[in-house]
Amino acid sequence: MWQDISLFIVSLLAAFVYVLRVFENNEHKSNRASLIRRSIIGSIGSMISVAITFYLLQYIFNTPVKLALAIAGGVGYMGADIVSRLAEKLIAQLIDKYTRS
């Protein structure tokens, strides 16, 4: 139970730091909707990458909980941008696919 709570806290912190990083980025300040969309997609991607990394480290590699949380938090911070870019491309492709039909 405490592992899930600590995983949730670490994923929220990684998502919060990612959103702060997005706000500092100058390319999205002109378009507010794009900034909000990128923040939501990035924070969700960050939380998912933290959870996936934690469970992979815990169950496949049998790492200690604290080490797995630390590594997962780092991956969530560094991997959120990559996950958000992939999600934006996928959503754009789905929107294009369904609007053409």
N, C-alpha and C. Protein backbone atom coordinates (compact mmCIF):
# COMPACT_ATOMS: atom_id res chain seq x y z
N MET A 1 0.82 -1.19 0.00
CA MET A 1 0.00 0.00 0.00
C MET A 1 0.86 1.25 0.00
N TRP A 2 1.88 1.31 0.85
CA TRP A 2 2.71 2.51 0.91
C TRP A 2 3.54 2.67 -0.35
N GLN A 3 3.82 1.55 -1.05
CA GLN A 3 4.53 1.64 -2.34
C GLN A 3 3.69 2.38 -3.36
N ASP A 4 2.39 2.09 -3.39
CA ASP A 4 1.51 2.76 -4.34
C ASP A 4 1.35 4.24 -4.01
N ILE A 5 1.29 4.56 -2.73
CA ILE A 5 1.18 5.97 -2.33
C ILE A 5 2.45 6.72 -2.69
N SER A 6 3.60 6.13 -2.40
CA SER A 6 4.85 6.80 -2.74
C SER A 6 5.05 6.89 -4.25
N LEU A 7 4.60 5.88 -4.99
CA LEU A 7 4.66 5.94 -6.45
C LEU A 7 3.78 7.07 -6.98
N PHE A 8 2.61 7.23 -6.40
CA PHE A 8 1.71 8.31 -6.81
C PHE A 8 2.33 9.68 -6.51
N ILE A 9 2.95 9.82 -5.36
CA ILE A 9 3.57 11.09 -5.00
C ILE A 9 4.74 11.41 -5.93
N VAL A 10 5.57 10.41 -6.22
CA VAL A 10 6.71 10.63 -7.12
C VAL A 10 6.22 10.98 -8.52
N SER A 11 5.18 10.30 -8.99
CA SER A 11 4.67 10.60 -10.33
C SER A 11 4.04 11.99 -10.38
N LEU A 12 3.36 12.41 -9.32
CA LEU A 12 2.82 13.78 -9.29
C LEU A 12 3.94 14.82 -9.29
N LEU A 13 5.00 14.56 -8.55
CA LEU A 13 6.12 15.50 -8.54
C LEU A 13 6.79 15.58 -9.91
N ALA A 14 6.97 14.44 -10.57
CA ALA A 14 7.57 14.45 -11.91
C ALA A 14 6.66 15.20 -12.89
N ALA A 15 5.35 15.00 -12.77
CA ALA A 15 4.42 15.72 -13.64
C ALA A 15 4.44 17.21 -13.37
N PHE A 16 4.53 17.60 -12.09
CA PHE A 16 4.57 19.01 -11.73
C PHE A 16 5.84 19.68 -12.27
N VAL A 17 6.97 19.00 -12.13
CA VAL A 17 8.22 19.56 -12.65
C VAL A 17 8.17 19.67 -14.17
N TYR A 18 7.54 18.69 -14.81
CA TYR A 18 7.40 18.76 -16.27
C TYR A 18 6.55 19.96 -16.68
N VAL A 19 5.46 20.20 -15.98
CA VAL A 19 4.59 21.34 -16.31
C VAL A 19 5.34 22.65 -16.09
N LEU A 20 6.15 22.74 -15.05
CA LEU A 20 6.98 23.94 -14.85
C LEU A 20 7.96 24.13 -16.00
N ARG A 21 8.50 23.04 -16.49
CA ARG A 21 9.44 23.12 -17.61
C ARG A 21 8.72 23.57 -18.88
N VAL A 22 7.49 23.15 -19.07
CA VAL A 22 6.72 23.58 -20.24
C VAL A 22 6.40 25.07 -20.15
N PHE A 23 6.07 25.55 -18.95
CA PHE A 23 5.76 26.97 -18.78
C PHE A 23 6.97 27.85 -19.06
N GLU A 24 8.16 27.36 -18.78
CA GLU A 24 9.36 28.14 -19.04
C GLU A 24 9.71 28.18 -20.52
N ASN A 25 9.21 27.22 -21.28
CA ASN A 25 9.51 27.16 -22.70
C ASN A 25 8.82 28.32 -23.42
N ASN A 26 9.55 29.04 -24.23
CA ASN A 26 9.01 30.23 -24.88
C ASN A 26 8.17 29.94 -26.12
N GLU A 27 8.29 28.78 -26.71
CA GLU A 27 7.60 28.53 -27.97
C GLU A 27 6.10 28.38 -27.82
N HIS A 28 5.59 28.08 -26.63
CA HIS A 28 4.16 27.87 -26.44
C HIS A 28 3.48 29.03 -25.72
N LYS A 29 4.19 30.11 -25.44
CA LYS A 29 3.57 31.20 -24.70
C LYS A 29 2.57 31.98 -25.55
N SER A 30 2.74 31.93 -26.86
CA SER A 30 1.83 32.70 -27.71
C SER A 30 0.46 32.03 -27.84
N ASN A 31 0.41 30.73 -27.76
CA ASN A 31 -0.83 30.00 -27.93
C ASN A 31 -1.20 29.32 -26.61
N ARG A 32 -2.19 29.86 -25.94
CA ARG A 32 -2.56 29.36 -24.61
C ARG A 32 -3.15 27.95 -24.66
N ALA A 33 -3.95 27.66 -25.68
CA ALA A 33 -4.55 26.33 -25.81
C ALA A 33 -3.48 25.27 -26.02
N SER A 34 -2.48 25.60 -26.81
CA SER A 34 -1.40 24.66 -27.05
C SER A 34 -0.61 24.41 -25.76
N LEU A 35 -0.41 25.45 -24.98
CA LEU A 35 0.29 25.32 -23.71
C LEU A 35 -0.46 24.42 -22.74
N ILE A 36 -1.75 24.60 -22.64
CA ILE A 36 -2.57 23.78 -21.74
C ILE A 36 -2.60 22.33 -22.22
N ARG A 37 -2.77 22.14 -23.52
CA ARG A 37 -2.81 20.78 -24.08
C ARG A 37 -1.49 20.07 -23.86
N ARG A 38 -0.39 20.76 -24.13
CA ARG A 38 0.93 20.15 -23.94
C ARG A 38 1.20 19.85 -22.47
N SER A 39 0.73 20.70 -21.57
CA SER A 39 0.92 20.45 -20.14
C SER A 39 0.16 19.22 -19.68
N ILE A 40 -1.08 19.07 -20.15
CA ILE A 40 -1.89 17.91 -19.75
C ILE A 40 -1.33 16.63 -20.32
N ILE A 41 -1.01 16.64 -21.60
CA ILE A 41 -0.47 15.43 -22.23
C ILE A 41 0.88 15.07 -21.61
N GLY A 42 1.72 16.07 -21.37
CA GLY A 42 3.03 15.80 -20.78
C GLY A 42 2.97 15.29 -19.37
N SER A 43 2.06 15.83 -18.57
CA SER A 43 1.96 15.36 -17.19
C SER A 43 1.42 13.94 -17.12
N ILE A 44 0.47 13.62 -17.98
CA ILE A 44 -0.04 12.24 -18.03
C ILE A 44 1.05 11.30 -18.51
N GLY A 45 1.79 11.71 -19.53
CA GLY A 45 2.89 10.89 -20.02
C GLY A 45 3.97 10.69 -18.98
N SER A 46 4.23 11.73 -18.21
CA SER A 46 5.22 11.62 -17.15
C SER A 46 4.77 10.64 -16.08
N MET A 47 3.51 10.72 -15.68
CA MET A 47 3.01 9.81 -14.65
C MET A 47 3.00 8.37 -15.13
N ILE A 48 2.64 8.16 -16.39
CA ILE A 48 2.64 6.80 -16.94
C ILE A 48 4.05 6.24 -17.04
N SER A 49 4.99 7.07 -17.48
CA SER A 49 6.36 6.58 -17.59
C SER A 49 6.97 6.26 -16.22
N VAL A 50 6.58 7.01 -15.20
CA VAL A 50 7.04 6.71 -13.84
C VAL A 50 6.49 5.35 -13.39
N ALA A 51 5.21 5.14 -13.61
CA ALA A 51 4.59 3.88 -13.18
C ALA A 51 5.17 2.68 -13.92
N ILE A 52 5.32 2.80 -15.23
CA ILE A 52 5.85 1.69 -16.01
C ILE A 52 7.28 1.37 -15.60
N THR A 53 8.09 2.40 -15.45
CA THR A 53 9.48 2.18 -15.04
C THR A 53 9.57 1.55 -13.65
N PHE A 54 8.74 2.03 -12.73
CA PHE A 54 8.76 1.48 -11.38
C PHE A 54 8.41 0.00 -11.38
N TYR A 55 7.34 -0.37 -12.07
CA TYR A 55 6.92 -1.76 -12.06
C TYR A 55 7.89 -2.65 -12.82
N LEU A 56 8.50 -2.14 -13.87
CA LEU A 56 9.53 -2.92 -14.56
C LEU A 56 10.73 -3.17 -13.65
N LEU A 57 11.17 -2.14 -12.98
CA LEU A 57 12.31 -2.30 -12.08
C LEU A 57 11.98 -3.20 -10.90
N GLN A 58 10.77 -3.10 -10.39
CA GLN A 58 10.38 -3.87 -9.21
C GLN A 58 10.22 -5.35 -9.52
N TYR A 59 9.48 -5.65 -10.56
CA TYR A 59 9.10 -7.04 -10.79
C TYR A 59 10.02 -7.80 -11.72
N ILE A 60 10.68 -7.12 -12.62
CA ILE A 60 11.57 -7.84 -13.53
C ILE A 60 12.99 -7.87 -12.99
N PHE A 61 13.47 -6.72 -12.51
CA PHE A 61 14.86 -6.64 -12.06
C PHE A 61 15.02 -6.77 -10.55
N ASN A 62 13.93 -6.82 -9.81
CA ASN A 62 13.94 -7.00 -8.35
C ASN A 62 14.81 -5.96 -7.63
N THR A 63 14.68 -4.71 -8.03
CA THR A 63 15.43 -3.65 -7.35
C THR A 63 14.70 -3.26 -6.07
N PRO A 64 15.42 -2.70 -5.10
CA PRO A 64 14.75 -2.21 -3.88
C PRO A 64 13.76 -1.09 -4.22
N VAL A 65 12.77 -0.92 -3.36
CA VAL A 65 11.69 0.02 -3.63
C VAL A 65 12.20 1.45 -3.76
N LYS A 66 13.06 1.86 -2.85
CA LYS A 66 13.53 3.25 -2.87
C LYS A 66 14.36 3.53 -4.12
N LEU A 67 15.18 2.58 -4.53
CA LEU A 67 15.97 2.76 -5.74
C LEU A 67 15.06 2.79 -6.97
N ALA A 68 14.07 1.91 -7.00
CA ALA A 68 13.13 1.89 -8.13
C ALA A 68 12.35 3.19 -8.22
N LEU A 69 11.95 3.75 -7.07
CA LEU A 69 11.25 5.04 -7.07
C LEU A 69 12.15 6.16 -7.57
N ALA A 70 13.39 6.16 -7.15
CA ALA A 70 14.31 7.21 -7.57
C ALA A 70 14.57 7.15 -9.07
N ILE A 71 14.82 5.96 -9.59
CA ILE A 71 15.06 5.81 -11.02
C ILE A 71 13.80 6.14 -11.82
N ALA A 72 12.65 5.69 -11.33
CA ALA A 72 11.39 5.96 -12.03
C ALA A 72 11.08 7.45 -12.05
N GLY A 73 11.38 8.16 -10.98
CA GLY A 73 11.18 9.60 -10.96
C GLY A 73 12.07 10.30 -11.97
N GLY A 74 13.30 9.86 -12.09
CA GLY A 74 14.21 10.43 -13.09
C GLY A 74 13.75 10.15 -14.50
N VAL A 75 13.28 8.94 -14.74
CA VAL A 75 12.76 8.60 -16.07
C VAL A 75 11.50 9.40 -16.37
N GLY A 76 10.66 9.59 -15.36
CA GLY A 76 9.46 10.39 -15.56
C GLY A 76 9.77 11.83 -15.90
N TYR A 77 10.80 12.36 -15.28
CA TYR A 77 11.21 13.74 -15.56
C TYR A 77 11.83 13.85 -16.95
N MET A 78 12.72 12.93 -17.29
CA MET A 78 13.41 13.01 -18.57
C MET A 78 12.56 12.48 -19.72
N GLY A 79 11.72 11.49 -19.46
CA GLY A 79 10.97 10.87 -20.53
C GLY A 79 9.63 11.49 -20.84
N ALA A 80 9.22 12.47 -20.06
CA ALA A 80 7.90 13.07 -20.27
C ALA A 80 7.83 13.81 -21.59
N ASP A 81 8.90 14.45 -21.97
CA ASP A 81 8.89 15.21 -23.21
C ASP A 81 8.76 14.28 -24.41
N ILE A 82 9.46 13.17 -24.35
CA ILE A 82 9.40 12.20 -25.45
C ILE A 82 8.01 11.58 -25.54
N VAL A 83 7.45 11.20 -24.39
CA VAL A 83 6.12 10.61 -24.37
C VAL A 83 5.07 11.60 -24.86
N SER A 84 5.20 12.86 -24.47
CA SER A 84 4.21 13.86 -24.90
C SER A 84 4.30 14.13 -26.40
N ARG A 85 5.50 14.13 -26.95
CA ARG A 85 5.63 14.32 -28.40
C ARG A 85 5.01 13.16 -29.16
N LEU A 86 5.24 11.94 -28.69
CA LEU A 86 4.64 10.78 -29.35
C LEU A 86 3.12 10.80 -29.23
N ALA A 87 2.60 11.20 -28.07
CA ALA A 87 1.15 11.26 -27.88
C ALA A 87 0.53 12.34 -28.77
N GLU A 88 1.19 13.48 -28.90
CA GLU A 88 0.67 14.54 -29.76
C GLU A 88 0.63 14.09 -31.22
N LYS A 89 1.67 13.39 -31.67
CA LYS A 89 1.68 12.88 -33.03
C LYS A 89 0.57 11.87 -33.26
N LEU A 90 0.37 10.98 -32.28
CA LEU A 90 -0.68 9.97 -32.40
C LEU A 90 -2.06 10.61 -32.43
N ILE A 91 -2.30 11.59 -31.56
CA ILE A 91 -3.59 12.27 -31.53
C ILE A 91 -3.82 13.04 -32.82
N ALA A 92 -2.78 13.69 -33.33
CA ALA A 92 -2.92 14.42 -34.59
C ALA A 92 -3.24 13.48 -35.75
N GLN A 93 -2.61 12.31 -35.76
CA GLN A 93 -2.89 11.33 -36.80
C GLN A 93 -4.32 10.81 -36.70
N LEU A 94 -4.78 10.56 -35.47
CA LEU A 94 -6.16 10.09 -35.31
C LEU A 94 -7.16 11.15 -35.71
N ILE A 95 -6.89 12.39 -35.37
CA ILE A 95 -7.80 13.47 -35.76
C ILE A 95 -7.82 13.62 -37.27
N ASP A 96 -6.67 13.57 -37.92
CA ASP A 96 -6.62 13.66 -39.37
C ASP A 96 -7.34 12.49 -40.03
N LYS A 97 -7.18 11.31 -39.45
CA LYS A 97 -7.82 10.12 -40.01
C LYS A 97 -9.34 10.22 -39.96
N TYR A 98 -9.87 10.69 -38.83
CA TYR A 98 -11.32 10.74 -38.69
C TYR A 98 -11.96 11.98 -39.30
N THR A 99 -11.19 13.04 -39.51
CA THR A 99 -11.76 14.22 -40.16
C THR A 99 -11.77 14.07 -41.67
N ARG A 100 -10.90 13.27 -42.22
CA ARG A 100 -10.89 13.02 -43.68
C ARG A 100 -12.05 12.12 -44.11
N SER A 101 -12.49 11.27 -43.21
CA SER A 101 -13.55 10.30 -43.57
C SER A 101 -14.91 10.97 -43.65
